[in-house]
C-alpha atoms as a PDB file:
ATOM      1  CA  MET A   1     -59.631  21.097 106.505  1.00  0.00           C
ATOM      2  CA  ALA A   2     -61.648  23.756 108.501  1.00  0.00           C
ATOM      3  CA  ARG A   3     -60.056  27.192 109.003  1.00  0.00           C
ATOM      4  CA  ARG A   4     -59.830  28.685 112.421  1.00  0.00           C
ATOM      5  CA  LYS A   5     -62.145  31.828 113.035  1.00  0.00           C
ATOM      6  CA  TYR A   6     -60.068  33.211 115.934  1.00  0.00           C
ATOM      7  CA  PRO A   7     -56.360  33.663 116.126  1.00  0.00           C
ATOM      8  CA  THR A   8     -54.567  31.737 118.838  1.00  0.00           C
ATOM      9  CA  GLN A   9     -53.073  33.356 121.832  1.00  0.00           C
ATOM     10  CA  GLN A  10     -49.685  33.194 120.353  1.00  0.00           C
ATOM     11  CA  GLU A  11     -50.846  34.813 117.196  1.00  0.00           C
ATOM     12  CA  HIS A  12     -52.678  37.506 119.190  1.00  0.00           C
ATOM     13  CA  GLN A  13     -49.668  38.257 121.192  1.00  0.00           C
ATOM     14  CA  LEU A  14     -47.569  38.788 118.056  1.00  0.00           C
ATOM     15  CA  ALA A  15     -50.006  41.285 116.664  1.00  0.00           C
ATOM     16  CA  LEU A  16     -48.185  44.216 118.450  1.00  0.00           C
ATOM     17  CA  SER A  17     -44.717  45.350 117.687  1.00  0.00           C
ATOM     18  CA  ASP A  18     -41.954  45.604 120.229  1.00  0.00           C
ATOM     19  CA  GLU A  19     -42.021  49.301 120.070  1.00  0.00           C
ATOM     20  CA  ALA A  20     -45.895  49.452 120.577  1.00  0.00           C
ATOM     21  CA  VAL A  21     -45.764  47.150 123.553  1.00  0.00           C
ATOM     22  CA  ALA A  22     -43.009  49.425 125.143  1.00  0.00           C
ATOM     23  CA  TYR A  23     -45.174  52.471 124.618  1.00  0.00           C
ATOM     24  CA  ILE A  24     -48.162  50.788 126.066  1.00  0.00           C
ATOM     25  CA  ALA A  25     -46.235  49.642 129.153  1.00  0.00           C
ATOM     26  CA  ASP A  26     -44.816  53.118 129.702  1.00  0.00           C
ATOM     27  CA  ALA A  27     -48.282  54.765 129.459  1.00  0.00           C
ATOM     28  CA  LEU A  28     -49.776  52.103 131.874  1.00  0.00           C
ATOM     29  CA  MET A  29     -46.843  52.706 134.280  1.00  0.00           C
ATOM     30  CA  GLN A  30     -47.367  56.486 134.101  1.00  0.00           C
ATOM     31  CA  LEU A  31     -51.058  56.044 134.702  1.00  0.00           C
ATOM     32  CA  ALA A  32     -50.507  53.797 137.722  1.00  0.00           C
ATOM     33  CA  LEU A  33     -47.905  56.429 139.199  1.00  0.00           C
ATOM     34  CA  ASP A  34     -50.224  59.313 138.607  1.00  0.00           C
ATOM     35  CA  PHE A  35     -53.086  57.570 140.111  1.00  0.00           C
ATOM     36  CA  GLU A  36     -51.027  56.666 143.285  1.00  0.00           C
ATOM     37  CA  LYS A  37     -49.682  60.126 143.503  1.00  0.00           C
ATOM     38  CA  ILE A  38     -53.270  61.526 143.483  1.00  0.00           C
ATOM     39  CA  HIS A  39     -54.820  58.877 145.834  1.00  0.00           C
ATOM     40  CA  TYR A  40     -51.769  58.150 148.040  1.00  0.00           C
ATOM     41  CA  THR A  41     -53.455  59.243 151.307  1.00  0.00           C
ATOM     42  CA  GLN A  42     -56.580  57.171 150.694  1.00  0.00           C
ATOM     43  CA  ILE A  43     -54.519  54.186 149.839  1.00  0.00           C
ATOM     44  CA  CYS A  44     -52.469  54.573 153.037  1.00  0.00           C
ATOM     45  CA  ARG A  45     -55.633  54.972 155.077  1.00  0.00           C
ATOM     46  CA  HIS A  46     -57.058  51.728 153.561  1.00  0.00           C
ATOM     47  CA  TYR A  47     -53.994  49.788 154.385  1.00  0.00           C
ATOM     48  CA  GLN A  48     -53.909  51.134 158.004  1.00  0.00           C
ATOM     49  CA  ALA A  49     -57.557  50.146 158.427  1.00  0.00           C
ATOM     50  CA  VAL A  50     -56.942  46.535 157.359  1.00  0.00           C
ATOM     51  CA  THR A  51     -53.700  45.945 158.958  1.00  0.00           C
ATOM     52  CA  PRO A  52     -53.996  44.526 162.503  1.00  0.00           C
ATOM     53  CA  GLU A  53     -52.327  46.385 165.332  1.00  0.00           C
ATOM     54  CA  PRO A  54     -49.298  44.698 166.804  1.00  0.00           C
ATOM     55  CA  GLU A  55     -49.831  43.324 170.351  1.00  0.00           C
ATOM     56  CA  HIS A  56     -46.471  44.807 171.738  1.00  0.00           C
ATOM     57  CA  HIS A  57     -45.232  48.246 170.896  1.00  0.00           C
ATOM     58  CA  PRO A  58     -41.513  48.350 171.852  1.00  0.00           C
ATOM     59  CA  PRO A  59     -40.198  51.952 171.937  1.00  0.00           C
ATOM     60  CA  GLN A  60     -37.178  50.574 170.042  1.00  0.00           C
ATOM     61  CA  LEU A  61     -36.129  47.249 168.449  1.00  0.00           C
ATOM     62  CA  ASP A  62     -33.734  45.317 170.572  1.00  0.00           C
ATOM     63  CA  LEU A  63     -31.030  44.685 167.939  1.00  0.00           C
ATOM     64  CA  PHE A  64     -28.307  43.974 170.240  1.00  0.00           C
ATOM     65  CA  PRO A  65     -29.613  42.347 173.401  1.00  0.00           C
ATOM     66  CA  GLU A  66     -27.266  42.655 176.445  1.00  0.00           C
ATOM     67  CA  GLN A  67     -25.266  39.510 177.068  1.00  0.00           C
ATOM     68  CA  SER A  68     -23.620  38.313 180.277  1.00  0.00           C
ATOM     69  CA  PRO A  69     -19.891  39.024 180.186  1.00  0.00           C
ATOM     70  CA  LEU A  70     -17.623  36.234 179.432  1.00  0.00           C
ATOM     71  CA  PRO A  71     -15.725  34.609 182.186  1.00  0.00           C
ATOM     72  CA  ALA A  72     -12.106  35.675 182.730  1.00  0.00           C
ATOM     73  CA  GLY A  73      -9.743  34.375 180.255  1.00  0.00           C
ATOM     74  CA  GLN A  74     -12.451  33.658 177.587  1.00  0.00           C
ATOM     75  CA  GLY A  75     -12.791  37.117 176.268  1.00  0.00           C
ATOM     76  CA  ARG A  76     -11.212  38.741 173.223  1.00  0.00           C
ATOM     77  CA  ALA A  77      -7.667  39.848 173.475  1.00  0.00           C
END
């Protein structure tokens, strides 16, 4: 029987301890947060450039449109 030269994906994933994985995840998250903090203005400018302008600019959202009053006798008591 021939022996494998390379570890399988599952064996490769088990090569790190839980503690090591947690430290790496924390370091990567901190790196991402620091990067975003430094380049936030550029990131916003990019998203504004690629986001299409809305066709209608309402001054305020109409959350509660006016409704016609109910006929007499059908309103709340």
